[in-house]
Amino acid sequence: MRISLLLACTSTVLWARTLNAQRPTLNANDPPPIQREFRAAWVATVTNIDWPSRPDLDTWTQQAELLAILNRAVALHLNAIIFQIRPGTDALYASRLEPWSEYLTGRQGRAPEPAWDPLAFAVAEAHRRGIELHAWFNPYRARYARPLSDAARTHVSRTQPLLVRQYGDYLWMDPGEPAVRRRAVQIVLDVVKRYDIDAVHIDDYFYPYRERDSSGRSLDFPDSATYAHYRQGGGTLARDDWRRHNVDLLVEALDRGVHATKRWVRFGVSPIGIWRPGNPPSVTPGFDAYQEIFADTRSWLRNGWVDYWVPQLYWAIDSPQSYPVLLSWWASQNLKHRNLWIGNGLHRVADPTSGAIGTRSSWRADEIVQQVGLTRSSVGSAPNGGATGNVFFSMKGLMTNVDSIDAKLAPLYAEPALIPASPWLDATPPPRPTASLLSSAATGVPYVRLTPAMGELPWLWVVRTRQGGQWTTEILPNAVRSHRLGVPGAGEIERVVVNAVDRTGNLSAPAVARPARATAAVVERP
């Protein structure tokens, strides 16, 4: 424990020094730099992994569980939640295109009662807390193995059965059918249009992972007729190359479609953490996503078809598939300088009393702490700026505080952080706001009044306050217009600096409010 905390503290100091080295030297009146780091967790709904805890809960309990997740995220200084809303051509939101998910109500197609829309609720409550909400889709899986109920009459397996393939115990959309790609894009863009989400997210499910028959023989995905139709139409690609091309077309279409619909909404992918065995050379032979699920993930990153990239590096630091080695390799592939964040296998952490510690698949929480530290240190050591954040799979580990992970992450996440910007989407900073420093007539407690400039409304506020010679940083939701300052008894409020932040992470010029000597506040603009 002492070693991991020492590494965490050392990496945090190096990380802060790296960030400070990128900025001009500060004078005594300048606030400290604003930290930039993606801190997120996946909230999986398939098989009720994270939420809701059971498919038979009433609306009020479901809402309470979701609020508990968001409140824990705030307490841990996370700044985003990746929320699974389409686990298998179903919907955890109000959709005219697909049926309600059985993981929400126990029966596919059954609406929640009393009626509510989990996605709309999650977006509103996340934004109220200053947290981003990324909508997570599975583009191809049509039905999970061991379903809880029969397929709804409105499910694609009944309304468009020619697009669906039985594969082992699963139903899977055929990626080679152009109508499947059009449908997936339509469903994603419907959500982008109707909900104020911050990003679209897909993970590592493309063509299905291999299934086997009762004798153990590998089953090929049943797309022979689709491929034959492609060849009859003049297609020349070999079958495996054609499969990869099908997935390429979907990823590129999602990237284009999301940004054409709302420029500020980002598109992110979380692939399996190894592109191909031998890349980098130290990666030992094993699963080949390029050949098995036909995902040429490296090309998507190199082509800049994403705004952020979250390889799932679910291996230990000292394993043959080394966490820091894979991180550096992915950084070297980030030729377009997109945001690189790392997926961490929190699901591998076990409590010491479980008896699983010491097995190959179970870690202590210190492993995760060290991985976050290595991610931070990559900013100054890995190619193309390294990685600037972490995503934990999954939220359950943070909610149960497995092996005291929350307390062990606390020193690393003591200060809030802004999500790294996406300047290729928009590099124009929002206009400078107005900041007025006032005192409560009833209590005398100082507060700052936040007034947006004309034009673009802020997405967040950053308020940095110097009190008793010490600076603190707070990141506030956009709805805040007045905010109480300081800690009672900690000294005079000496300086307050306010910035507005827009949806792609651009920071406005600062507005500085000095303590007022009279009734009216004196506002200084540097």
Protein backbone atom coordinates (compact mmCIF):
# COMPACT_ATOMS: atom_id res chain seq x y z
CA MET A 1 0.00 0.00 0.00
CA ARG A 2 2.80 2.44 0.91
CA ILE A 3 4.55 1.70 -2.39
CA SER A 4 1.44 2.33 -4.47
CA LEU A 5 0.64 5.55 -2.65
CA LEU A 6 4.22 6.71 -3.09
CA LEU A 7 4.00 5.98 -6.82
CA ALA A 8 0.64 7.75 -7.02
CA CYS A 9 1.95 10.83 -5.22
CA THR A 10 5.17 10.88 -7.27
CA SER A 11 3.29 10.57 -10.57
CA THR A 12 0.87 13.27 -9.50
CA VAL A 13 3.76 15.65 -8.79
CA LEU A 14 5.38 14.81 -12.14
CA TRP A 15 2.02 15.25 -13.87
CA ALA A 16 1.54 18.65 -12.26
CA ARG A 17 5.07 19.68 -13.21
CA THR A 18 4.46 18.61 -16.80
CA LEU A 19 1.27 20.65 -16.96
CA ASN A 20 2.94 23.67 -15.38
CA ALA A 21 5.88 23.43 -17.77
CA GLN A 22 3.46 23.94 -20.64
CA ARG A 23 2.34 27.32 -19.23
CA PRO A 24 4.04 30.65 -18.60
CA THR A 25 5.56 31.31 -15.19
CA LEU A 26 2.92 32.55 -12.76
CA ASN A 27 3.17 35.69 -10.65
CA ALA A 28 1.78 35.93 -7.14
CA ASN A 29 -1.66 37.06 -8.32
CA ASP A 30 -2.10 34.38 -10.96
CA PRO A 31 -4.21 31.36 -10.03
CA PRO A 32 -2.83 27.84 -10.44
CA PRO A 33 -3.32 26.09 -13.79
CA ILE A 34 -6.60 24.28 -14.32
CA GLN A 35 -6.10 20.53 -14.38
CA ARG A 36 -7.20 18.66 -17.51
CA GLU A 37 -7.96 14.97 -17.17
CA PHE A 38 -10.75 12.62 -18.24
CA ARG A 39 -12.10 10.72 -15.21
CA ALA A 40 -14.97 8.42 -16.02
CA ALA A 41 -16.66 5.08 -15.43
CA TRP A 42 -18.78 2.81 -17.56
CA VAL A 43 -22.31 2.16 -16.34
CA ALA A 44 -23.32 -1.10 -18.02
CA THR A 45 -26.98 -2.08 -18.24
CA VAL A 46 -26.62 -5.39 -20.10
CA THR A 47 -27.51 -8.20 -17.66
CA ASN A 48 -27.93 -5.44 -15.05
CA ILE A 49 -24.19 -5.23 -14.40
CA ASP A 50 -24.27 -1.70 -12.96
CA TRP A 51 -27.79 -0.34 -13.33
CA PRO A 52 -30.55 -1.00 -12.57
CA SER A 53 -29.51 -3.58 -9.99
CA ARG A 54 -32.51 -5.74 -10.95
CA PRO A 55 -34.94 -5.62 -13.86
CA ASP A 56 -38.02 -5.63 -11.62
CA LEU A 57 -37.47 -2.42 -9.68
CA ASP A 58 -40.06 0.34 -9.57
CA THR A 59 -39.38 3.71 -11.17
CA TRP A 60 -38.53 5.44 -7.90
CA THR A 61 -35.92 2.85 -6.93
CA GLN A 62 -34.37 2.94 -10.40
CA GLN A 63 -34.10 6.71 -10.19
CA ALA A 64 -32.64 6.55 -6.70
CA GLU A 65 -29.99 4.08 -7.88
CA LEU A 66 -29.08 6.28 -10.83
CA LEU A 67 -28.82 9.35 -8.61
CA ALA A 68 -26.58 7.40 -6.22
CA ILE A 69 -24.25 6.62 -9.13
CA LEU A 70 -24.08 10.27 -10.18
CA ASN A 71 -23.57 11.44 -6.61
CA ARG A 72 -20.73 8.97 -6.12
CA ALA A 73 -19.16 10.27 -9.33
CA VAL A 74 -19.30 13.82 -7.95
CA ALA A 75 -17.82 12.72 -4.62
CA LEU A 76 -14.91 11.05 -6.43
CA HIS A 77 -14.32 14.08 -8.70
CA LEU A 78 -15.16 12.11 -11.84
CA ASN A 79 -16.28 14.28 -14.74
CA ALA A 80 -18.09 11.85 -17.06
CA ILE A 81 -20.30 8.77 -17.03
CA ILE A 82 -20.52 6.40 -20.02
CA PHE A 83 -24.08 5.11 -19.84
CA GLN A 84 -25.16 2.05 -21.83
CA ILE A 85 -28.51 2.78 -23.49
CA ARG A 86 -28.63 0.18 -26.30
CA PRO A 87 -27.26 -3.18 -25.14
CA GLY A 88 -28.94 -5.21 -27.91
CA THR A 89 -31.20 -3.43 -30.45
CA ASP A 90 -33.34 -2.28 -27.53
CA ALA A 91 -33.59 1.01 -25.68
CA LEU A 92 -33.19 2.35 -22.18
CA TYR A 93 -34.82 5.54 -23.42
CA ALA A 94 -38.08 6.48 -25.16
CA SER A 95 -37.65 5.31 -28.75
CA ARG A 96 -40.03 4.95 -31.67
CA LEU A 97 -37.46 2.78 -33.44
CA GLU A 98 -36.69 0.06 -30.89
CA PRO A 99 -38.47 -1.56 -27.92
CA TRP A 100 -37.86 -0.86 -24.26
CA SER A 101 -35.06 -2.99 -22.83
CA GLU A 102 -35.86 -6.02 -20.73
CA TYR A 103 -33.05 -4.98 -18.38
CA LEU A 104 -35.21 -2.02 -17.37
CA THR A 105 -38.64 -3.65 -16.87
CA GLY A 106 -38.06 -7.41 -17.03
CA ARG A 107 -39.85 -7.80 -20.36
CA GLN A 108 -38.69 -6.44 -23.68
CA GLY A 109 -41.11 -3.85 -25.02
CA ARG A 110 -42.73 -3.16 -21.65
CA ALA A 111 -42.60 0.55 -20.82
CA PRO A 112 -41.63 1.64 -17.31
CA GLU A 113 -44.52 2.53 -15.01
CA PRO A 114 -44.83 5.20 -13.76
CA ALA A 115 -43.51 6.41 -17.10
CA TRP A 116 -40.06 7.97 -17.26
CA ASP A 117 -37.16 8.26 -19.66
CA PRO A 118 -33.90 7.05 -18.07
CA LEU A 119 -31.68 8.77 -20.65
CA ALA A 120 -33.40 12.14 -20.35
CA PHE A 121 -33.24 11.80 -16.57
CA ALA A 122 -29.56 10.80 -16.61
CA VAL A 123 -28.59 13.66 -18.92
CA ALA A 124 -30.44 16.27 -16.86
CA GLU A 125 -29.11 15.02 -13.53
CA ALA A 126 -25.55 14.58 -14.78
CA HIS A 127 -25.50 18.10 -16.22
CA ARG A 128 -27.00 19.47 -13.01
CA ARG A 129 -23.87 18.09 -11.32
CA GLY A 130 -21.45 19.31 -13.97
CA ILE A 131 -20.81 15.79 -15.29
CA GLU A 132 -20.80 14.76 -18.93
CA LEU A 133 -23.14 11.97 -20.06
CA HIS A 134 -21.84 9.78 -22.89
CA ALA A 135 -24.45 7.54 -24.55
CA TRP A 136 -23.10 4.02 -25.10
CA PHE A 137 -24.48 1.94 -27.97
CA ASN A 138 -23.89 -1.61 -29.15
CA PRO A 139 -24.28 -1.30 -32.93
CA TYR A 140 -24.64 -4.98 -33.95
CA ARG A 141 -25.75 -7.23 -31.09
CA ALA A 142 -29.44 -7.99 -31.56
CA ARG A 143 -30.14 -10.26 -28.58
CA TYR A 144 -27.99 -11.31 -25.67
CA ALA A 145 -27.62 -14.97 -24.75
CA ARG A 146 -30.04 -16.10 -22.02
CA PRO A 147 -32.66 -13.38 -22.57
CA LEU A 148 -35.05 -12.52 -19.77
CA SER A 149 -38.15 -12.56 -21.97
CA ASP A 150 -39.43 -13.19 -25.46
CA ALA A 151 -38.55 -10.68 -28.13
CA ALA A 152 -41.04 -7.84 -28.39
CA ARG A 153 -43.25 -7.68 -31.45
CA THR A 154 -41.45 -4.48 -32.39
CA HIS A 155 -37.97 -6.02 -32.10
CA VAL A 156 -35.90 -6.11 -35.29
CA SER A 157 -35.79 -9.92 -35.21
CA ARG A 158 -39.54 -9.83 -35.86
CA THR A 159 -39.93 -6.69 -37.95
CA GLN A 160 -36.86 -7.21 -40.20
CA PRO A 161 -35.75 -10.82 -39.69
CA LEU A 162 -33.67 -10.86 -42.90
CA LEU A 163 -31.18 -8.49 -41.24
CA VAL A 164 -30.61 -10.74 -38.23
CA ARG A 165 -28.47 -13.88 -37.91
CA GLN A 166 -28.62 -16.60 -35.29
CA TYR A 167 -25.08 -17.12 -34.05
CA GLY A 168 -24.63 -19.55 -31.20
CA ASP A 169 -26.88 -18.40 -28.39
CA TYR A 170 -26.97 -14.84 -29.72
CA LEU A 171 -28.87 -12.92 -32.34
CA TRP A 172 -26.59 -10.62 -34.32
CA MET A 173 -27.17 -7.98 -36.96
CA ASP A 174 -25.31 -8.80 -40.17
CA PRO A 175 -22.69 -6.03 -40.64
CA GLY A 176 -22.49 -6.86 -44.35
CA GLU A 177 -26.07 -5.70 -44.96
CA PRO A 178 -26.09 -1.98 -45.91
CA ALA A 179 -29.52 -1.71 -44.28
CA VAL A 180 -27.96 -2.73 -40.95
CA ARG A 181 -25.44 0.09 -41.18
CA ARG A 182 -28.15 2.59 -42.13
CA ARG A 183 -30.31 1.42 -39.23
CA ALA A 184 -27.48 1.70 -36.68
CA VAL A 185 -26.61 5.21 -37.84
CA GLN A 186 -30.29 6.22 -37.82
CA ILE A 187 -30.72 5.05 -34.23
CA VAL A 188 -27.60 6.81 -32.99
CA LEU A 189 -28.45 10.07 -34.73
CA ASP A 190 -32.00 9.93 -33.41
CA VAL A 191 -30.53 10.06 -29.92
CA VAL A 192 -28.07 12.82 -30.84
CA LYS A 193 -30.94 14.93 -32.20
CA ARG A 194 -33.37 14.40 -29.31
CA TYR A 195 -31.12 14.34 -26.25
CA ASP A 196 -28.48 16.73 -24.97
CA ILE A 197 -25.81 14.04 -24.70
CA ASP A 198 -22.14 14.98 -24.70
CA ALA A 199 -20.80 12.05 -26.70
CA VAL A 200 -21.65 8.86 -28.57
CA HIS A 201 -19.68 5.82 -27.43
CA ILE A 202 -19.25 2.30 -28.85
CA ASP A 203 -17.11 -0.44 -27.37
CA ASP A 204 -15.41 -3.60 -28.66
CA TYR A 205 -18.36 -5.55 -30.12
CA PHE A 206 -18.30 -5.57 -33.91
CA TYR A 207 -18.53 -8.95 -35.61
CA PRO A 208 -19.25 -11.33 -32.75
CA TYR A 209 -16.62 -13.09 -30.71
CA ARG A 210 -16.31 -16.69 -31.86
CA GLU A 211 -18.95 -19.16 -30.73
CA ARG A 212 -18.52 -22.94 -30.68
CA ASP A 213 -20.88 -25.81 -31.29
CA SER A 214 -21.56 -28.64 -28.84
CA SER A 215 -18.45 -30.49 -30.02
CA GLY A 216 -16.23 -27.46 -29.44
CA ARG A 217 -15.72 -26.57 -33.09
CA SER A 218 -15.54 -22.89 -33.97
CA LEU A 219 -18.60 -21.55 -35.79
CA ASP A 220 -18.22 -19.14 -38.68
CA PHE A 221 -20.54 -16.19 -38.75
CA PRO A 222 -23.42 -17.02 -41.16
CA ASP A 223 -23.01 -14.28 -43.74
CA SER A 224 -22.28 -16.39 -46.83
CA ALA A 225 -25.38 -15.18 -48.66
CA THR A 226 -24.55 -11.55 -47.88
CA TYR A 227 -21.01 -11.96 -49.14
CA ALA A 228 -22.19 -13.74 -52.29
CA HIS A 229 -24.56 -10.85 -52.99
CA TYR A 230 -21.63 -8.43 -52.56
CA ARG A 231 -19.51 -10.37 -55.05
CA GLN A 232 -22.37 -10.61 -57.55
CA GLY A 233 -22.64 -6.83 -57.38
CA GLY A 234 -19.02 -6.44 -58.49
CA GLY A 235 -17.25 -6.49 -55.10
CA THR A 236 -13.67 -7.72 -55.21
CA LEU A 237 -12.55 -7.90 -51.59
CA ALA A 238 -11.73 -11.21 -49.97
CA ARG A 239 -14.26 -12.19 -47.35
CA ASP A 240 -12.23 -11.19 -44.29
CA ASP A 241 -11.23 -7.87 -45.86
CA TRP A 242 -14.88 -7.29 -46.80
CA ARG A 243 -15.92 -7.86 -43.21
CA ARG A 244 -13.39 -5.35 -41.94
CA HIS A 245 -14.50 -2.88 -44.60
CA ASN A 246 -18.11 -3.22 -43.41
CA VAL A 247 -17.11 -2.20 -39.91
CA ASP A 248 -14.92 0.61 -41.25
CA LEU A 249 -17.91 2.01 -43.11
CA LEU A 250 -20.01 2.06 -39.94
CA VAL A 251 -17.35 3.77 -37.83
CA GLU A 252 -16.71 6.43 -40.46
CA ALA A 253 -20.45 6.99 -40.97
CA LEU A 254 -21.01 7.45 -37.24
CA ASP A 255 -18.15 9.93 -37.00
CA ARG A 256 -19.49 11.97 -39.91
CA GLY A 257 -23.12 11.70 -38.88
CA VAL A 258 -22.67 12.70 -35.25
CA HIS A 259 -20.71 15.85 -36.15
CA ALA A 260 -23.06 16.80 -38.99
CA THR A 261 -25.94 16.64 -36.51
CA LYS A 262 -24.32 18.45 -33.57
CA ARG A 263 -20.78 19.67 -34.03
CA TRP A 264 -19.91 19.63 -30.34
CA VAL A 265 -21.02 16.04 -29.65
CA ARG A 266 -17.96 13.79 -29.60
CA PHE A 267 -17.63 10.27 -30.93
CA GLY A 268 -15.56 7.77 -28.97
CA VAL A 269 -14.57 4.13 -29.37
CA SER A 270 -13.31 1.71 -26.73
CA PRO A 271 -11.67 -1.20 -28.55
CA ILE A 272 -10.03 -4.27 -27.12
CA GLY A 273 -6.60 -3.18 -25.91
CA ILE A 274 -4.49 -5.06 -28.47
CA TRP A 275 -4.78 -4.28 -32.17
CA ARG A 276 -2.95 -7.44 -33.29
CA PRO A 277 -0.56 -9.83 -31.56
CA GLY A 278 3.01 -8.62 -31.98
CA ASN A 279 1.98 -4.96 -31.91
CA PRO A 280 4.02 -3.92 -30.02
CA PRO A 281 6.54 -6.78 -30.40
CA SER A 282 6.36 -7.74 -26.72
CA VAL A 283 2.66 -8.65 -27.01
CA THR A 284 2.45 -12.42 -26.99
CA PRO A 285 0.29 -14.47 -29.38
CA GLY A 286 -3.34 -14.51 -28.37
CA PHE A 287 -6.66 -13.09 -29.43
CA ASP A 288 -6.50 -11.20 -32.73
CA ALA A 289 -9.34 -8.66 -32.95
CA TYR A 290 -8.32 -7.80 -36.50
CA GLN A 291 -8.93 -11.39 -37.62
CA GLU A 292 -11.53 -12.62 -35.12
CA ILE A 293 -14.03 -9.75 -34.87
CA PHE A 294 -12.80 -7.99 -38.03
CA ALA A 295 -12.01 -4.69 -36.37
CA ASP A 296 -9.07 -2.79 -37.84
CA THR A 297 -9.11 -0.45 -34.88
CA ARG A 298 -5.69 1.07 -35.49
CA SER A 299 -6.83 2.48 -38.85
CA TRP A 300 -9.75 4.31 -37.20
CA LEU A 301 -7.44 6.08 -34.80
CA ARG A 302 -4.86 6.84 -37.48
CA ASN A 303 -7.55 8.22 -39.78
CA GLY A 304 -8.94 10.47 -37.05
CA TRP A 305 -12.43 8.95 -37.25
CA VAL A 306 -12.85 9.43 -33.51
CA ASP A 307 -12.70 12.28 -31.04
CA TYR A 308 -11.50 10.06 -28.25
CA TRP A 309 -10.00 6.60 -27.98
CA VAL A 310 -10.24 4.32 -24.92
CA PRO A 311 -8.31 1.07 -25.45
CA GLN A 312 -9.29 -1.48 -22.82
CA LEU A 313 -5.95 -2.21 -21.15
CA TYR A 314 -7.25 -4.81 -18.72
CA TRP A 315 -3.80 -6.24 -17.97
CA ALA A 316 -1.51 -5.70 -15.02
CA ILE A 317 1.55 -3.49 -15.19
CA ASP A 318 3.94 -6.44 -14.90
CA SER A 319 2.01 -8.88 -17.11
CA PRO A 320 3.29 -10.07 -20.53
CA GLN A 321 0.70 -7.70 -22.03
CA SER A 322 2.23 -4.80 -20.14
CA TYR A 323 -0.03 -1.86 -19.34
CA PRO A 324 2.60 0.88 -19.86
CA VAL A 325 3.98 -0.75 -23.01
CA LEU A 326 0.51 -0.97 -24.60
CA LEU A 327 -0.30 2.58 -23.53
CA SER A 328 2.84 3.89 -25.21
CA TRP A 329 2.12 1.87 -28.36
CA TRP A 330 -1.39 3.28 -28.70
CA ALA A 331 -0.01 6.78 -28.11
CA SER A 332 2.41 6.21 -31.00
CA GLN A 333 -0.55 5.41 -33.28
CA ASN A 334 -2.39 8.61 -32.37
CA LEU A 335 -1.20 10.47 -35.45
CA LYS A 336 -4.15 12.89 -35.50
CA HIS A 337 -3.68 13.79 -31.82
CA ARG A 338 -7.14 12.78 -30.72
CA ASN A 339 -7.88 12.44 -27.01
CA LEU A 340 -6.35 9.18 -25.76
CA TRP A 341 -7.82 7.86 -22.53
CA ILE A 342 -7.26 4.41 -21.05
CA GLY A 343 -9.82 1.82 -19.99
CA ASN A 344 -8.89 0.23 -16.66
CA GLY A 345 -10.09 -3.19 -15.46
CA LEU A 346 -11.57 -2.31 -12.09
CA HIS A 347 -13.69 -5.47 -12.41
CA ARG A 348 -10.49 -7.44 -11.79
CA VAL A 349 -10.06 -5.97 -8.32
CA ALA A 350 -11.21 -8.16 -5.43
CA ASP A 351 -11.47 -7.59 -1.70
CA PRO A 352 -8.75 -9.27 0.35
CA THR A 353 -11.36 -11.33 2.20
CA SER A 354 -12.75 -12.84 -1.02
CA GLY A 355 -10.01 -15.43 -1.36
CA ALA A 356 -9.46 -14.46 -4.99
CA ILE A 357 -6.43 -12.23 -4.39
CA GLY A 358 -3.32 -13.75 -5.87
CA THR A 359 -5.07 -15.43 -8.76
CA ARG A 360 -4.15 -14.29 -12.24
CA SER A 361 -7.43 -12.44 -12.77
CA SER A 362 -7.74 -10.71 -9.39
CA TRP A 363 -5.86 -7.63 -8.26
CA ARG A 364 -5.60 -5.36 -5.27
CA ALA A 365 -6.87 -1.82 -5.79
CA ASP A 366 -3.26 -0.61 -5.68
CA GLU A 367 -2.85 -1.93 -9.24
CA ILE A 368 -5.50 0.53 -10.48
CA VAL A 369 -3.91 3.38 -8.53
CA GLN A 370 -0.53 2.64 -10.09
CA GLN A 371 -2.10 2.44 -13.57
CA VAL A 372 -3.63 5.90 -13.13
CA GLY A 373 -0.22 7.15 -12.06
CA LEU A 374 1.43 5.64 -15.14
CA THR A 375 -1.24 7.17 -17.34
CA ARG A 376 -0.45 10.59 -15.94
CA SER A 377 3.28 10.17 -16.34
CA SER A 378 2.75 9.24 -20.00
CA VAL A 379 1.83 12.86 -20.78
CA GLY A 380 5.50 13.79 -20.66
CA SER A 381 7.04 10.50 -21.76
CA ALA A 382 4.88 8.74 -24.36
CA PRO A 383 4.57 9.75 -28.05
CA ASN A 384 2.02 12.35 -29.17
CA GLY A 385 1.34 13.60 -25.67
CA GLY A 386 0.53 10.23 -24.13
CA ALA A 387 -2.84 9.61 -22.48
CA THR A 388 -4.81 12.18 -20.51
CA GLY A 389 -7.36 10.20 -18.56
CA ASN A 390 -8.84 6.93 -17.36
CA VAL A 391 -12.17 5.12 -17.59
CA PHE A 392 -13.03 2.43 -15.04
CA PHE A 393 -14.91 -0.73 -15.85
CA SER A 394 -17.13 -0.55 -14.15
CA MET A 395 -19.04 1.75 -11.84
CA LYS A 396 -19.96 -1.19 -9.64
CA GLY A 397 -16.44 -1.32 -8.20
CA LEU A 398 -16.68 2.34 -7.20
CA MET A 399 -20.17 1.91 -5.74
CA THR A 400 -19.13 -1.08 -3.62
CA ASN A 401 -15.76 0.52 -2.85
CA VAL A 402 -13.99 -2.73 -3.65
CA ASP A 403 -10.74 -3.05 -1.70
CA SER A 404 -11.16 0.57 -0.55
CA ILE A 405 -10.62 1.83 -4.12
CA ASP A 406 -12.45 5.10 -3.44
CA ALA A 407 -10.10 6.11 -0.63
CA LYS A 408 -7.05 5.03 -2.65
CA LEU A 409 -8.10 7.16 -5.62
CA ALA A 410 -8.91 10.16 -3.42
CA PRO A 411 -5.35 11.59 -3.26
CA LEU A 412 -5.06 11.41 -7.05
CA TYR A 413 -8.43 13.07 -7.60
CA ALA A 414 -8.26 15.58 -4.75
CA GLU A 415 -8.71 18.51 -7.14
CA PRO A 416 -11.43 18.67 -9.80
CA ALA A 417 -10.37 18.55 -13.45
CA LEU A 418 -11.76 19.72 -16.76
CA ILE A 419 -12.07 17.21 -19.57
CA PRO A 420 -9.34 17.77 -22.21
CA ALA A 421 -10.55 19.94 -25.08
CA SER A 422 -11.33 18.78 -28.62
CA PRO A 423 -9.99 21.69 -30.69
CA TRP A 424 -10.49 19.91 -34.04
CA LEU A 425 -14.23 20.28 -33.42
CA ASP A 426 -14.12 23.89 -32.24
CA ALA A 427 -11.12 25.94 -31.11
CA THR A 428 -12.92 29.25 -30.52
CA PRO A 429 -13.09 30.15 -26.82
CA PRO A 430 -16.37 31.35 -25.39
CA PRO A 431 -16.69 35.07 -24.62
CA ARG A 432 -15.39 36.35 -21.30
CA PRO A 433 -18.08 36.35 -18.59
CA THR A 434 -18.60 38.97 -15.89
CA ALA A 435 -17.77 38.12 -12.26
CA SER A 436 -19.05 40.23 -9.38
CA LEU A 437 -17.91 39.67 -5.79
CA LEU A 438 -20.65 40.40 -3.25
CA SER A 439 -21.61 39.66 0.34
CA SER A 440 -24.83 38.23 1.69
CA ALA A 441 -26.92 40.90 3.39
CA ALA A 442 -28.15 38.33 5.92
CA THR A 443 -24.92 36.54 6.84
CA GLY A 444 -22.07 38.58 5.43
CA VAL A 445 -20.78 35.47 3.66
CA PRO A 446 -18.98 36.36 0.39
CA TYR A 447 -20.25 35.02 -2.90
CA VAL A 448 -19.54 35.50 -6.57
CA ARG A 449 -22.19 36.37 -9.11
CA LEU A 450 -21.61 34.75 -12.51
CA THR A 451 -23.00 36.47 -15.60
CA PRO A 452 -22.55 34.93 -19.06
CA ALA A 453 -21.50 37.16 -21.90
CA MET A 454 -23.86 37.74 -24.78
CA GLY A 455 -23.92 34.86 -27.26
CA GLU A 456 -22.77 31.38 -26.37
CA LEU A 457 -23.85 30.17 -22.93
CA PRO A 458 -21.16 28.41 -20.89
CA TRP A 459 -21.22 24.66 -20.35
CA LEU A 460 -19.27 24.94 -17.09
CA TRP A 461 -17.75 27.57 -14.83
CA VAL A 462 -14.27 27.40 -13.33
CA VAL A 463 -13.95 29.44 -10.14
CA ARG A 464 -10.50 29.81 -8.55
CA THR A 465 -10.40 31.50 -5.17
CA ARG A 466 -7.47 32.69 -3.09
CA GLN A 467 -8.26 32.74 0.62
CA GLY A 468 -5.67 33.22 3.34
CA GLY A 469 -2.92 32.89 0.74
CA GLN A 470 -4.17 29.52 -0.57
CA TRP A 471 -5.85 28.87 -3.91
CA THR A 472 -8.76 26.47 -4.41
CA THR A 473 -10.37 25.47 -7.71
CA GLU A 474 -14.04 24.62 -8.21
CA ILE A 475 -15.83 23.51 -11.38
CA LEU A 476 -19.51 24.40 -11.37
CA PRO A 477 -22.47 23.46 -13.58
CA ASN A 478 -23.63 25.99 -16.14
CA ALA A 479 -26.92 26.70 -14.37
CA VAL A 480 -25.12 28.28 -11.40
CA ARG A 481 -25.38 32.07 -11.29
CA SER A 482 -24.19 32.71 -7.74
CA HIS A 483 -21.77 30.71 -5.63
CA ARG A 484 -20.75 30.94 -1.99
CA LEU A 485 -17.01 31.36 -1.57
CA GLY A 486 -14.37 30.17 0.83
CA VAL A 487 -14.26 28.36 4.14
CA PRO A 488 -15.38 30.14 7.34
CA GLY A 489 -12.41 31.13 9.47
CA ALA A 490 -9.83 30.46 6.75
CA GLY A 491 -9.06 34.10 6.12
CA GLU A 492 -10.08 36.88 3.80
CA ILE A 493 -11.17 36.23 0.22
CA GLU A 494 -8.29 37.88 -1.61
CA ARG A 495 -8.90 37.13 -5.25
CA VAL A 496 -11.46 35.32 -7.43
CA VAL A 497 -10.84 34.31 -11.05
CA VAL A 498 -13.68 32.99 -13.21
CA ASN A 499 -13.60 31.30 -16.63
CA ALA A 500 -16.42 30.02 -18.77
CA VAL A 501 -16.01 26.65 -20.51
CA ASP A 502 -17.79 25.63 -23.72
CA ARG A 503 -19.03 22.20 -24.85
CA THR A 504 -15.75 21.19 -26.51
CA GLY A 505 -13.62 22.28 -23.55
CA ASN A 506 -12.44 25.71 -24.68
CA LEU A 507 -11.72 28.16 -21.88
CA SER A 508 -12.70 31.83 -21.97
CA ALA A 509 -10.44 34.67 -20.99
CA PRO A 510 -10.56 35.13 -17.20
CA ALA A 511 -12.78 37.57 -15.37
CA VAL A 512 -11.20 38.68 -12.08
CA ALA A 513 -13.24 40.08 -9.19
CA ARG A 514 -11.47 41.88 -6.35
CA PRO A 515 -13.04 42.11 -2.90
CA ALA A 516 -15.33 45.14 -2.84
CA ARG A 517 -14.44 47.94 -0.40
CA ALA A 518 -17.88 49.45 -0.68
CA THR A 519 -21.41 48.34 -1.40
CA ALA A 520 -20.76 47.72 -5.09
CA ALA A 521 -18.28 45.11 -6.24
CA VAL A 522 -15.21 46.21 -8.14
CA VAL A 523 -14.71 44.04 -11.17
CA GLU A 524 -11.32 43.84 -12.80
CA ARG A 525 -10.70 42.44 -16.25
CA PRO A 526 -7.05 41.69 -16.93
